Every structure is written in C-alpha cells, then in structure tokens.
Amino acid sequence: VSTVETSLDASLRRMQSDLEHIADEIPAAALEQKNVEHFSKN
C-alpha cells in the first residue's frame, strides 16, 4: 500500500508541476485558433 501510495503521489506531483510550468510558459497569443500554426511546433 505504501509503495502504491508513493507512486501515485509522485505521479500527481509531477503532473501538477508540469501543468503549472506549461501554463506559465504559454503565450496568450498561442491560445487563439488563428495562431495555432505559428506556436504548434514548439
């Protein structure tokens, strides 16, 4: 149970960290349909 709990906790913490970093780095202009092609690759 401890092993499963630790694994799940690590997954959730990593997901939270990734989501926060991505959200901080996304330019507002990238959130408009007309600009998707410009920002898509990165």
ModelCIF file with pLDDT and N, C-alpha, C, O atoms, coordinates in Angstrom:
data_MODEL
#
_entry.id   MODEL 
#
_entity.id                         1 
_entity.type                       polymer 
_entity.pdbx_number_of_molecules   1 
#
_entity_poly.entity_id                      1 
_entity_poly.type                           'polypeptide(L)' 
_entity_poly.nstd_linkage                   no 
_entity_poly.nstd_monomer                   no 
_entity_poly.pdbx_seq_one_letter_code       VSTVETSLDASLRRMQSDLEHIADEIPAAALEQKNVEHFSKN 
_entity_poly.pdbx_seq_one_letter_code_can   VSTVETSLDASLRRMQSDLEHIADEIPAAALEQKNVEHFSKN 
_entity_poly.pdbx_strand_id                 A 
#
loop_
_entity_poly_seq.entity_id 
_entity_poly_seq.num 
_entity_poly_seq.mon_id 
_entity_poly_seq.hetero 
1 1  VAL n 
1 2  SER n 
1 3  THR n 
1 4  VAL n 
1 5  GLU n 
1 6  THR n 
1 7  SER n 
1 8  LEU n 
1 9  ASP n 
1 10 ALA n 
1 11 SER n 
1 12 LEU n 
1 13 ARG n 
1 14 ARG n 
1 15 MET n 
1 16 GLN n 
1 17 SER n 
1 18 ASP n 
1 19 LEU n 
1 20 GLU n 
1 21 HIS n 
1 22 ILE n 
1 23 ALA n 
1 24 ASP n 
1 25 GLU n 
1 26 ILE n 
1 27 PRO n 
1 28 ALA n 
1 29 ALA n 
1 30 ALA n 
1 31 LEU n 
1 32 GLU n 
1 33 GLN n 
1 34 LYS n 
1 35 ASN n 
1 36 VAL n 
1 37 GLU n 
1 38 HIS n 
1 39 PHE n 
1 40 SER n 
1 41 LYS n 
1 42 ASN n 
#
_struct_asym.id          A 
_struct_asym.entity_id   1 
#
loop_
_ma_qa_metric.id 
_ma_qa_metric.mode 
_ma_qa_metric.name 
_ma_qa_metric.software_group_id 
_ma_qa_metric.type 
1 global pLDDT . pLDDT 
2 local  pLDDT . pLDDT 
#
_ma_qa_metric_global.metric_id      1 
_ma_qa_metric_global.metric_value   90.48 
_ma_qa_metric_global.model_id       1 
_ma_qa_metric_global.ordinal_id     1 
#
loop_
_ma_qa_metric_local.label_asym_id 
_ma_qa_metric_local.label_comp_id 
_ma_qa_metric_local.label_seq_id 
_ma_qa_metric_local.metric_id 
_ma_qa_metric_local.metric_value 
_ma_qa_metric_local.model_id 
_ma_qa_metric_local.ordinal_id 
A VAL 1  2 68.00 1 1  
A SER 2  2 76.00 1 2  
A THR 3  2 75.00 1 3  
A VAL 4  2 72.00 1 4  
A GLU 5  2 78.00 1 5  
A THR 6  2 82.00 1 6  
A SER 7  2 80.00 1 7  
A LEU 8  2 81.00 1 8  
A ASP 9  2 84.00 1 9  
A ALA 10 2 87.00 1 10 
A SER 11 2 86.00 1 11 
A LEU 12 2 87.00 1 12 
A ARG 13 2 91.00 1 13 
A ARG 14 2 93.00 1 14 
A MET 15 2 92.00 1 15 
A GLN 16 2 93.00 1 16 
A SER 17 2 95.00 1 17 
A ASP 18 2 95.00 1 18 
A LEU 19 2 96.00 1 19 
A GLU 20 2 95.00 1 20 
A HIS 21 2 96.00 1 21 
A ILE 22 2 96.00 1 22 
A ALA 23 2 95.00 1 23 
A ASP 24 2 93.00 1 24 
A GLU 25 2 94.00 1 25 
A ILE 26 2 95.00 1 26 
A PRO 27 2 93.00 1 27 
A ALA 28 2 92.00 1 28 
A ALA 29 2 95.00 1 29 
A ALA 30 2 96.00 1 30 
A LEU 31 2 96.00 1 31 
A GLU 32 2 94.00 1 32 
A GLN 33 2 94.00 1 33 
A LYS 34 2 96.00 1 34 
A ASN 35 2 97.00 1 35 
A VAL 36 2 96.00 1 36 
A GLU 37 2 96.00 1 37 
A HIS 38 2 97.00 1 38 
A PHE 39 2 97.00 1 39 
A SER 40 2 95.00 1 40 
A LYS 41 2 95.00 1 41 
A ASN 42 2 96.00 1 42 
#
loop_
_atom_site.group_PDB 
_atom_site.id 
_atom_site.type_symbol 
_atom_site.label_atom_id 
_atom_site.label_alt_id 
_atom_site.label_comp_id 
_atom_site.label_asym_id 
_atom_site.label_entity_id 
_atom_site.label_seq_id 
_atom_site.pdbx_PDB_ins_code 
_atom_site.Cartn_x 
_atom_site.Cartn_y 
_atom_site.Cartn_z 
_atom_site.occupancy 
_atom_site.B_iso_or_equiv 
_atom_site.pdbx_formal_charge 
_atom_site.auth_seq_id 
_atom_site.auth_comp_id 
_atom_site.auth_asym_id 
_atom_site.auth_atom_id 
_atom_site.pdbx_PDB_model_num 
ATOM 1   N N  . VAL A 1 1  ? 0.839  -1.196 0.000   1.00 68.00 ? 1  VAL A N  1 
ATOM 2   C CA . VAL A 1 1  ? 0.000  0.000  0.000   1.00 68.00 ? 1  VAL A CA 1 
ATOM 3   C C  . VAL A 1 1  ? 0.877  1.251  0.000   1.00 68.00 ? 1  VAL A C  1 
ATOM 4   O O  . VAL A 1 1  ? 0.591  2.210  -0.717  1.00 68.00 ? 1  VAL A O  1 
ATOM 5   N N  . SER A 1 2  ? 1.926  1.243  0.788   1.00 76.00 ? 2  SER A N  1 
ATOM 6   C CA . SER A 1 2  ? 2.838  2.383  0.845   1.00 76.00 ? 2  SER A CA 1 
ATOM 7   C C  . SER A 1 2  ? 3.526  2.620  -0.495  1.00 76.00 ? 2  SER A C  1 
ATOM 8   O O  . SER A 1 2  ? 3.697  3.766  -0.910  1.00 76.00 ? 2  SER A O  1 
ATOM 9   N N  . THR A 1 3  ? 3.919  1.551  -1.168  1.00 75.00 ? 3  THR A N  1 
ATOM 10  C CA . THR A 1 3  ? 4.569  1.665  -2.472  1.00 75.00 ? 3  THR A CA 1 
ATOM 11  C C  . THR A 1 3  ? 3.612  2.257  -3.506  1.00 75.00 ? 3  THR A C  1 
ATOM 12  O O  . THR A 1 3  ? 3.991  3.149  -4.265  1.00 75.00 ? 3  THR A O  1 
ATOM 13  N N  . VAL A 1 4  ? 2.382  1.766  -3.538  1.00 72.00 ? 4  VAL A N  1 
ATOM 14  C CA . VAL A 1 4  ? 1.382  2.282  -4.477  1.00 72.00 ? 4  VAL A CA 1 
ATOM 15  C C  . VAL A 1 4  ? 1.079  3.742  -4.168  1.00 72.00 ? 4  VAL A C  1 
ATOM 16  O O  . VAL A 1 4  ? 0.983  4.563  -5.079  1.00 72.00 ? 4  VAL A O  1 
ATOM 17  N N  . GLU A 1 5  ? 0.929  4.065  -2.902  1.00 78.00 ? 5  GLU A N  1 
ATOM 18  C CA . GLU A 1 5  ? 0.643  5.437  -2.493  1.00 78.00 ? 5  GLU A CA 1 
ATOM 19  C C  . GLU A 1 5  ? 1.778  6.379  -2.911  1.00 78.00 ? 5  GLU A C  1 
ATOM 20  O O  . GLU A 1 5  ? 1.521  7.474  -3.409  1.00 78.00 ? 5  GLU A O  1 
ATOM 21  N N  . THR A 1 6  ? 3.015  5.960  -2.712  1.00 82.00 ? 6  THR A N  1 
ATOM 22  C CA . THR A 1 6  ? 4.173  6.770  -3.087  1.00 82.00 ? 6  THR A CA 1 
ATOM 23  C C  . THR A 1 6  ? 4.218  6.989  -4.595  1.00 82.00 ? 6  THR A C  1 
ATOM 24  O O  . THR A 1 6  ? 4.498  8.096  -5.053  1.00 82.00 ? 6  THR A O  1 
ATOM 25  N N  . SER A 1 7  ? 3.943  5.941  -5.367  1.00 80.00 ? 7  SER A N  1 
ATOM 26  C CA . SER A 1 7  ? 3.944  6.047  -6.821  1.00 80.00 ? 7  SER A CA 1 
ATOM 27  C C  . SER A 1 7  ? 2.857  7.001  -7.303  1.00 80.00 ? 7  SER A C  1 
ATOM 28  O O  . SER A 1 7  ? 3.110  7.844  -8.164  1.00 80.00 ? 7  SER A O  1 
ATOM 29  N N  . LEU A 1 8  ? 1.663  6.876  -6.762  1.00 81.00 ? 8  LEU A N  1 
ATOM 30  C CA . LEU A 1 8  ? 0.567  7.749  -7.155  1.00 81.00 ? 8  LEU A CA 1 
ATOM 31  C C  . LEU A 1 8  ? 0.858  9.196  -6.770  1.00 81.00 ? 8  LEU A C  1 
ATOM 32  O O  . LEU A 1 8  ? 0.612  10.112 -7.555  1.00 81.00 ? 8  LEU A O  1 
ATOM 33  N N  . ASP A 1 9  ? 1.381  9.401  -5.565  1.00 84.00 ? 9  ASP A N  1 
ATOM 34  C CA . ASP A 1 9  ? 1.721  10.744 -5.110  1.00 84.00 ? 9  ASP A CA 1 
ATOM 35  C C  . ASP A 1 9  ? 2.755  11.377 -6.043  1.00 84.00 ? 9  ASP A C  1 
ATOM 36  O O  . ASP A 1 9  ? 2.626  12.545 -6.410  1.00 84.00 ? 9  ASP A O  1 
ATOM 37  N N  . ALA A 1 10 ? 3.776  10.615 -6.426  1.00 87.00 ? 10 ALA A N  1 
ATOM 38  C CA . ALA A 1 10 ? 4.804  11.126 -7.326  1.00 87.00 ? 10 ALA A CA 1 
ATOM 39  C C  . ALA A 1 10 ? 4.199  11.490 -8.684  1.00 87.00 ? 10 ALA A C  1 
ATOM 40  O O  . ALA A 1 10 ? 4.555  12.516 -9.264  1.00 87.00 ? 10 ALA A O  1 
ATOM 41  N N  . SER A 1 11 ? 3.297  10.663 -9.189  1.00 86.00 ? 11 SER A N  1 
ATOM 42  C CA . SER A 1 11 ? 2.651  10.950 -10.475 1.00 86.00 ? 11 SER A CA 1 
ATOM 43  C C  . SER A 1 11 ? 1.842  12.240 -10.406 1.00 86.00 ? 11 SER A C  1 
ATOM 44  O O  . SER A 1 11 ? 1.910  13.074 -11.308 1.00 86.00 ? 11 SER A O  1 
ATOM 45  N N  . LEU A 1 12 ? 1.078  12.397 -9.333  1.00 87.00 ? 12 LEU A N  1 
ATOM 46  C CA . LEU A 1 12 ? 0.242  13.591 -9.195  1.00 87.00 ? 12 LEU A CA 1 
ATOM 47  C C  . LEU A 1 12 ? 1.080  14.852 -9.002  1.00 87.00 ? 12 LEU A C  1 
ATOM 48  O O  . LEU A 1 12 ? 0.749  15.908 -9.540  1.00 87.00 ? 12 LEU A O  1 
ATOM 49  N N  . ARG A 1 13 ? 2.158  14.743 -8.238  1.00 91.00 ? 13 ARG A N  1 
ATOM 50  C CA . ARG A 1 13 ? 3.040  15.906 -8.038  1.00 91.00 ? 13 ARG A CA 1 
ATOM 51  C C  . ARG A 1 13 ? 3.729  16.302 -9.347  1.00 91.00 ? 13 ARG A C  1 
ATOM 52  O O  . ARG A 1 13 ? 3.850  17.487 -9.657  1.00 91.00 ? 13 ARG A O  1 
ATOM 53  N N  . ARG A 1 14 ? 4.171  15.321 -10.097 1.00 93.00 ? 14 ARG A N  1 
ATOM 54  C CA . ARG A 1 14 ? 4.819  15.635 -11.370 1.00 93.00 ? 14 ARG A CA 1 
ATOM 55  C C  . ARG A 1 14 ? 3.820  16.270 -12.326 1.00 93.00 ? 14 ARG A C  1 
ATOM 56  O O  . ARG A 1 14 ? 4.143  17.232 -13.022 1.00 93.00 ? 14 ARG A O  1 
ATOM 57  N N  . MET A 1 15 ? 2.605  15.728 -12.358 1.00 92.00 ? 15 MET A N  1 
ATOM 58  C CA . MET A 1 15 ? 1.570  16.287 -13.228 1.00 92.00 ? 15 MET A CA 1 
ATOM 59  C C  . MET A 1 15 ? 1.281  17.735 -12.844 1.00 92.00 ? 15 MET A C  1 
ATOM 60  O O  . MET A 1 15 ? 1.177  18.598 -13.715 1.00 92.00 ? 15 MET A O  1 
ATOM 61  N N  . GLN A 1 16 ? 1.152  18.004 -11.552 1.00 93.00 ? 16 GLN A N  1 
ATOM 62  C CA . GLN A 1 16 ? 0.890  19.367 -11.098 1.00 93.00 ? 16 GLN A CA 1 
ATOM 63  C C  . GLN A 1 16 ? 2.025  20.298 -11.516 1.00 93.00 ? 16 GLN A C  1 
ATOM 64  O O  . GLN A 1 16 ? 1.780  21.395 -12.019 1.00 93.00 ? 16 GLN A O  1 
ATOM 65  N N  . SER A 1 17 ? 3.247  19.867 -11.312 1.00 95.00 ? 17 SER A N  1 
ATOM 66  C CA . SER A 1 17 ? 4.401  20.672 -11.677 1.00 95.00 ? 17 SER A CA 1 
ATOM 67  C C  . SER A 1 17 ? 4.434  20.957 -13.181 1.00 95.00 ? 17 SER A C  1 
ATOM 68  O O  . SER A 1 17 ? 4.657  22.093 -13.599 1.00 95.00 ? 17 SER A O  1 
ATOM 69  N N  . ASP A 1 18 ? 4.212  19.923 -13.983 1.00 95.00 ? 18 ASP A N  1 
ATOM 70  C CA . ASP A 1 18 ? 4.219  20.111 -15.438 1.00 95.00 ? 18 ASP A CA 1 
ATOM 71  C C  . ASP A 1 18 ? 3.110  21.067 -15.876 1.00 95.00 ? 18 ASP A C  1 
ATOM 72  O O  . ASP A 1 18 ? 3.344  21.955 -16.695 1.00 95.00 ? 18 ASP A O  1 
ATOM 73  N N  . LEU A 1 19 ? 1.906  20.888 -15.335 1.00 96.00 ? 19 LEU A N  1 
ATOM 74  C CA . LEU A 1 19 ? 0.797  21.764 -15.717 1.00 96.00 ? 19 LEU A CA 1 
ATOM 75  C C  . LEU A 1 19 ? 1.091  23.214 -15.345 1.00 96.00 ? 19 LEU A C  1 
ATOM 76  O O  . LEU A 1 19 ? 0.823  24.126 -16.127 1.00 96.00 ? 19 LEU A O  1 
ATOM 77  N N  . GLU A 1 20 ? 1.636  23.424 -14.160 1.00 95.00 ? 20 GLU A N  1 
ATOM 78  C CA . GLU A 1 20 ? 1.952  24.795 -13.735 1.00 95.00 ? 20 GLU A CA 1 
ATOM 79  C C  . GLU A 1 20 ? 3.032  25.412 -14.610 1.00 95.00 ? 20 GLU A C  1 
ATOM 80  O O  . GLU A 1 20 ? 2.924  26.579 -14.989 1.00 95.00 ? 20 GLU A O  1 
ATOM 81  N N  . HIS A 1 21 ? 4.080  24.647 -14.941 1.00 96.00 ? 21 HIS A N  1 
ATOM 82  C CA . HIS A 1 21 ? 5.140  25.171 -15.803 1.00 96.00 ? 21 HIS A CA 1 
ATOM 83  C C  . HIS A 1 21 ? 4.632  25.480 -17.208 1.00 96.00 ? 21 HIS A C  1 
ATOM 84  O O  . HIS A 1 21 ? 4.945  26.530 -17.769 1.00 96.00 ? 21 HIS A O  1 
ATOM 85  N N  . ILE A 1 22 ? 3.858  24.575 -17.767 1.00 96.00 ? 22 ILE A N  1 
ATOM 86  C CA . ILE A 1 22 ? 3.316  24.806 -19.110 1.00 96.00 ? 22 ILE A CA 1 
ATOM 87  C C  . ILE A 1 22 ? 2.424  26.043 -19.107 1.00 96.00 ? 22 ILE A C  1 
ATOM 88  O O  . ILE A 1 22 ? 2.543  26.898 -19.984 1.00 96.00 ? 22 ILE A O  1 
ATOM 89  N N  . ALA A 1 23 ? 1.534  26.139 -18.126 1.00 95.00 ? 23 ALA A N  1 
ATOM 90  C CA . ALA A 1 23 ? 0.616  27.283 -18.049 1.00 95.00 ? 23 ALA A CA 1 
ATOM 91  C C  . ALA A 1 23 ? 1.381  28.593 -17.945 1.00 95.00 ? 23 ALA A C  1 
ATOM 92  O O  . ALA A 1 23 ? 0.991  29.590 -18.554 1.00 95.00 ? 23 ALA A O  1 
ATOM 93  N N  . ASP A 1 24 ? 2.462  28.600 -17.181 1.00 93.00 ? 24 ASP A N  1 
ATOM 94  C CA . ASP A 1 24 ? 3.266  29.818 -17.035 1.00 93.00 ? 24 ASP A CA 1 
ATOM 95  C C  . ASP A 1 24 ? 3.994  30.198 -18.324 1.00 93.00 ? 24 ASP A C  1 
ATOM 96  O O  . ASP A 1 24 ? 4.257  31.377 -18.560 1.00 93.00 ? 24 ASP A O  1 
ATOM 97  N N  . GLU A 1 25 ? 4.320  29.209 -19.159 1.00 94.00 ? 25 GLU A N  1 
ATOM 98  C CA . GLU A 1 25 ? 5.131  29.453 -20.353 1.00 94.00 ? 25 GLU A CA 1 
ATOM 99  C C  . GLU A 1 25 ? 4.319  29.710 -21.624 1.00 94.00 ? 25 GLU A C  1 
ATOM 100 O O  . GLU A 1 25 ? 4.870  30.192 -22.614 1.00 94.00 ? 25 GLU A O  1 
ATOM 101 N N  . ILE A 1 26 ? 3.029  29.400 -21.614 1.00 95.00 ? 26 ILE A N  1 
ATOM 102 C CA . ILE A 1 26 ? 2.214  29.551 -22.821 1.00 95.00 ? 26 ILE A CA 1 
ATOM 103 C C  . ILE A 1 26 ? 1.904  31.028 -23.065 1.00 95.00 ? 26 ILE A C  1 
ATOM 104 O O  . ILE A 1 26 ? 1.306  31.677 -22.206 1.00 95.00 ? 26 ILE A O  1 
ATOM 105 N N  . PRO A 1 27 ? 2.297  31.566 -24.213 1.00 93.00 ? 27 PRO A N  1 
ATOM 106 C CA . PRO A 1 27 ? 1.934  32.956 -24.521 1.00 93.00 ? 27 PRO A CA 1 
ATOM 107 C C  . PRO A 1 27 ? 0.420  33.059 -24.762 1.00 93.00 ? 27 PRO A C  1 
ATOM 108 O O  . PRO A 1 27 ? -0.178 32.151 -25.340 1.00 93.00 ? 27 PRO A O  1 
ATOM 109 N N  . ALA A 1 28 ? -0.184 34.140 -24.328 1.00 92.00 ? 28 ALA A N  1 
ATOM 110 C CA . ALA A 1 28 ? -1.629 34.330 -24.513 1.00 92.00 ? 28 ALA A CA 1 
ATOM 111 C C  . ALA A 1 28 ? -2.010 34.232 -25.990 1.00 92.00 ? 28 ALA A C  1 
ATOM 112 O O  . ALA A 1 28 ? -3.085 33.728 -26.316 1.00 92.00 ? 28 ALA A O  1 
ATOM 113 N N  . ALA A 1 29 ? -1.153 34.701 -26.874 1.00 95.00 ? 29 ALA A N  1 
ATOM 114 C CA . ALA A 1 29 ? -1.448 34.640 -28.313 1.00 95.00 ? 29 ALA A CA 1 
ATOM 115 C C  . ALA A 1 29 ? -1.575 33.207 -28.810 1.00 95.00 ? 29 ALA A C  1 
ATOM 116 O O  . ALA A 1 29 ? -2.274 32.956 -29.792 1.00 95.00 ? 29 ALA A O  1 
ATOM 117 N N  . ALA A 1 30 ? -0.913 32.264 -28.150 1.00 96.00 ? 30 ALA A N  1 
ATOM 118 C CA . ALA A 1 30 ? -0.983 30.849 -28.557 1.00 96.00 ? 30 ALA A CA 1 
ATOM 119 C C  . ALA A 1 30 ? -2.352 30.248 -28.271 1.00 96.00 ? 30 ALA A C  1 
ATOM 120 O O  . ALA A 1 30 ? -2.664 29.160 -28.754 1.00 96.00 ? 30 ALA A O  1 
ATOM 121 N N  . LEU A 1 31 ? -3.171 30.945 -27.492 1.00 96.00 ? 31 LEU A N  1 
ATOM 122 C CA . LEU A 1 31 ? -4.477 30.421 -27.094 1.00 96.00 ? 31 LEU A CA 1 
ATOM 123 C C  . LEU A 1 31 ? -5.600 30.891 -28.014 1.00 96.00 ? 31 LEU A C  1 
ATOM 124 O O  . LEU A 1 31 ? -6.775 30.842 -27.650 1.00 96.00 ? 31 LEU A O  1 
ATOM 125 N N  . GLU A 1 32 ? -5.227 31.344 -29.204 1.00 94.00 ? 32 GLU A N  1 
ATOM 126 C CA . GLU A 1 32 ? -6.202 31.750 -30.214 1.00 94.00 ? 32 GLU A CA 1 
ATOM 127 C C  . GLU A 1 32 ? -6.043 30.846 -31.428 1.00 94.00 ? 32 GLU A C  1 
ATOM 128 O O  . GLU A 1 32 ? -4.929 30.593 -31.887 1.00 94.00 ? 32 GLU A O  1 
ATOM 129 N N  . GLN A 1 33 ? -7.171 30.361 -31.943 1.00 94.00 ? 33 GLN A N  1 
ATOM 130 C CA . GLN A 1 33 ? -7.165 29.431 -33.079 1.00 94.00 ? 33 GLN A CA 1 
ATOM 131 C C  . GLN A 1 33 ? -6.315 29.950 -34.238 1.00 94.00 ? 33 GLN A C  1 
ATOM 132 O O  . GLN A 1 33 ? -5.599 29.174 -34.872 1.00 94.00 ? 33 GLN A O  1 
ATOM 133 N N  . LYS A 1 34 ? -6.385 31.239 -34.520 1.00 96.00 ? 34 LYS A N  1 
ATOM 134 C CA . LYS A 1 34 ? -5.679 31.802 -35.676 1.00 96.00 ? 34 LYS A CA 1 
ATOM 135 C C  . LYS A 1 34 ? -4.159 31.708 -35.549 1.00 96.00 ? 34 LYS A C  1 
ATOM 136 O O  . LYS A 1 34 ? -3.454 31.838 -36.549 1.00 96.00 ? 34 LYS A O  1 
ATOM 137 N N  . ASN A 1 35 ? -3.639 31.483 -34.332 1.00 97.00 ? 35 ASN A N  1 
ATOM 138 C CA . ASN A 1 35 ? -2.192 31.444 -34.111 1.00 97.00 ? 35 ASN A CA 1 
ATOM 139 C C  . ASN A 1 35 ? -1.632 30.040 -33.881 1.00 97.00 ? 35 ASN A C  1 
ATOM 140 O O  . ASN A 1 35 ? -0.435 29.887 -33.637 1.00 97.00 ? 35 ASN A O  1 
ATOM 141 N N  . VAL A 1 36 ? -2.468 29.032 -33.955 1.00 96.00 ? 36 VAL A N  1 
ATOM 142 C CA . VAL A 1 36 ? -2.045 27.666 -33.649 1.00 96.00 ? 36 VAL A CA 1 
ATOM 143 C C  . VAL A 1 36 ? -0.873 27.224 -34.525 1.00 96.00 ? 36 VAL A C  1 
ATOM 144 O O  . VAL A 1 36 ? 0.094  26.650 -34.023 1.00 96.00 ? 36 VAL A O  1 
ATOM 145 N N  . GLU A 1 37 ? -0.954 27.482 -35.807 1.00 96.00 ? 37 GLU A N  1 
ATOM 146 C CA . GLU A 1 37 ? 0.113  27.028 -36.704 1.00 96.00 ? 37 GLU A CA 1 
ATOM 147 C C  . GLU A 1 37 ? 1.466  27.623 -36.317 1.00 96.00 ? 37 GLU A C  1 
ATOM 148 O O  . GLU A 1 37 ? 2.489  26.943 -36.398 1.00 96.00 ? 37 GLU A O  1 
ATOM 149 N N  . HIS A 1 38 ? 1.476  28.868 -35.905 1.00 97.00 ? 38 HIS A N  1 
ATOM 150 C CA . HIS A 1 38 ? 2.718  29.544 -35.519 1.00 97.00 ? 38 HIS A CA 1 
ATOM 151 C C  . HIS A 1 38 ? 3.352  28.933 -34.262 1.00 97.00 ? 38 HIS A C  1 
ATOM 152 O O  . HIS A 1 38 ? 4.574  28.800 -34.191 1.00 97.00 ? 38 HIS A O  1 
ATOM 153 N N  . PHE A 1 39 ? 2.531  28.562 -33.275 1.00 97.00 ? 39 PHE A N  1 
ATOM 154 C CA . PHE A 1 39 ? 3.042  28.084 -31.987 1.00 97.00 ? 39 PHE A CA 1 
ATOM 155 C C  . PHE A 1 39 ? 3.093  26.558 -31.872 1.00 97.00 ? 39 PHE A C  1 
ATOM 156 O O  . PHE A 1 39 ? 3.721  26.027 -30.956 1.00 97.00 ? 39 PHE A O  1 
ATOM 157 N N  . SER A 1 40 ? 2.445  25.865 -32.780 1.00 95.00 ? 40 SER A N  1 
ATOM 158 C CA . SER A 1 40 ? 2.251  24.415 -32.661 1.00 95.00 ? 40 SER A CA 1 
ATOM 159 C C  . SER A 1 40 ? 3.541  23.614 -32.470 1.00 95.00 ? 40 SER A C  1 
ATOM 160 O O  . SER A 1 40 ? 3.614  22.777 -31.571 1.00 95.00 ? 40 SER A O  1 
ATOM 161 N N  . LYS A 1 41 ? 4.538  23.853 -33.285 1.00 95.00 ? 41 LYS A N  1 
ATOM 162 C CA . LYS A 1 41 ? 5.761  23.041 -33.231 1.00 95.00 ? 41 LYS A CA 1 
ATOM 163 C C  . LYS A 1 41 ? 6.413  23.103 -31.853 1.00 95.00 ? 41 LYS A C  1 
ATOM 164 O O  . LYS A 1 41 ? 6.730  22.062 -31.278 1.00 95.00 ? 41 LYS A O  1 
ATOM 165 N N  . ASN A 1 42 ? 6.615  24.290 -31.321 1.00 96.00 ? 42 ASN A N  1 
ATOM 166 C CA . ASN A 1 42 ? 7.268  24.431 -30.013 1.00 96.00 ? 42 ASN A CA 1 
ATOM 167 C C  . ASN A 1 42 ? 6.443  23.843 -28.887 1.00 96.00 ? 42 ASN A C  1 
ATOM 168 O O  . ASN A 1 42 ? 6.859  23.885 -27.729 1.00 96.00 ? 42 ASN A O  1 
#
